[in-house]
Protein backbone atom coordinates (compact mmCIF):
# COMPACT_ATOMS: atom_id res chain seq x y z
CA UNK A 1 -62.67 117.11 -8.74
CA UNK A 2 -65.33 114.56 -7.78
CA UNK A 3 -68.70 115.00 -9.33
CA UNK A 4 -72.07 113.79 -8.05
CA UNK A 5 -72.41 111.38 -11.06
CA UNK A 6 -69.02 110.25 -9.88
CA UNK A 7 -69.84 109.33 -7.03
CA UNK A 8 -72.94 107.90 -7.81
CA UNK A 9 -71.77 105.40 -10.30
CA UNK A 10 -69.10 104.41 -7.33
CA UNK A 11 -71.67 103.81 -5.15
CA UNK A 12 -73.80 101.75 -7.72
CA UNK A 13 -70.68 99.40 -8.30
CA UNK A 14 -71.34 98.50 -4.49
CA UNK A 15 -73.46 95.29 -3.44
CA UNK A 16 -76.76 96.05 -2.53
CA UNK A 17 -75.61 95.60 0.85
CA UNK A 18 -72.56 97.57 2.20
CA UNK A 19 -71.28 99.35 4.93
CA UNK A 20 -70.56 103.12 5.97
CA UNK A 21 -66.86 102.46 5.95
CA UNK A 22 -66.93 100.53 2.50
CA UNK A 23 -68.76 103.66 0.97
CA UNK A 24 -65.92 106.36 2.33
CA UNK A 25 -63.23 103.74 1.20
CA UNK A 26 -64.38 103.68 -2.25
CA UNK A 27 -65.01 107.54 -2.27
CA UNK A 28 -61.61 108.33 -0.86
CA UNK A 29 -59.76 106.03 -3.52
CA UNK A 30 -62.07 107.90 -6.21
CA UNK A 31 -61.11 111.28 -4.96
CA UNK A 32 -57.25 109.75 -5.00
CA UNK A 33 -57.65 108.74 -8.31
CA UNK A 34 -59.27 112.06 -9.43
CA UNK A 35 -55.91 113.82 -8.08
CA UNK A 36 -53.48 111.40 -9.63
CA UNK A 37 -55.50 112.34 -13.21
CA UNK A 38 -55.25 115.75 -12.75
CA UNK A 39 -51.76 116.22 -11.65
CA UNK A 40 -50.99 113.75 -15.08
CA UNK A 41 -52.80 116.86 -17.10
CA UNK A 42 -50.81 119.42 -15.39
CA UNK A 43 -47.90 117.36 -15.92
CA UNK A 44 -46.82 117.05 -12.14
CA UNK A 45 -45.31 113.83 -12.53
CA UNK A 46 -41.74 111.93 -12.75
CA UNK A 47 -40.57 109.77 -15.77
CA UNK A 48 -39.42 106.08 -14.52
CA UNK A 49 -36.42 107.27 -15.41
CA UNK A 50 -36.26 110.38 -13.22
CA UNK A 51 -37.37 108.19 -10.40
CA UNK A 52 -34.68 105.90 -10.84
CA UNK A 53 -31.87 108.68 -10.78
CA UNK A 54 -33.33 110.08 -7.75
CA UNK A 55 -33.31 107.01 -6.12
CA UNK A 56 -29.10 106.41 -7.04
CA UNK A 57 -29.03 109.90 -5.38
CA UNK A 58 -30.57 108.24 -2.26
CA UNK A 59 -29.85 104.69 -1.92
């Protein structure tokens, strides 16, 4: 979950002049990273070997 602090830090990393699109893009990336980290914590990820095994079945 995003917090005000994380959003503030993200905005602080931008240059002094930026567009709304740049802010939105940064926040979307931050949100995706947060979701990915949560999935790792919940063990909802695949190992490299599991992915390779699946790809062998599909290709």
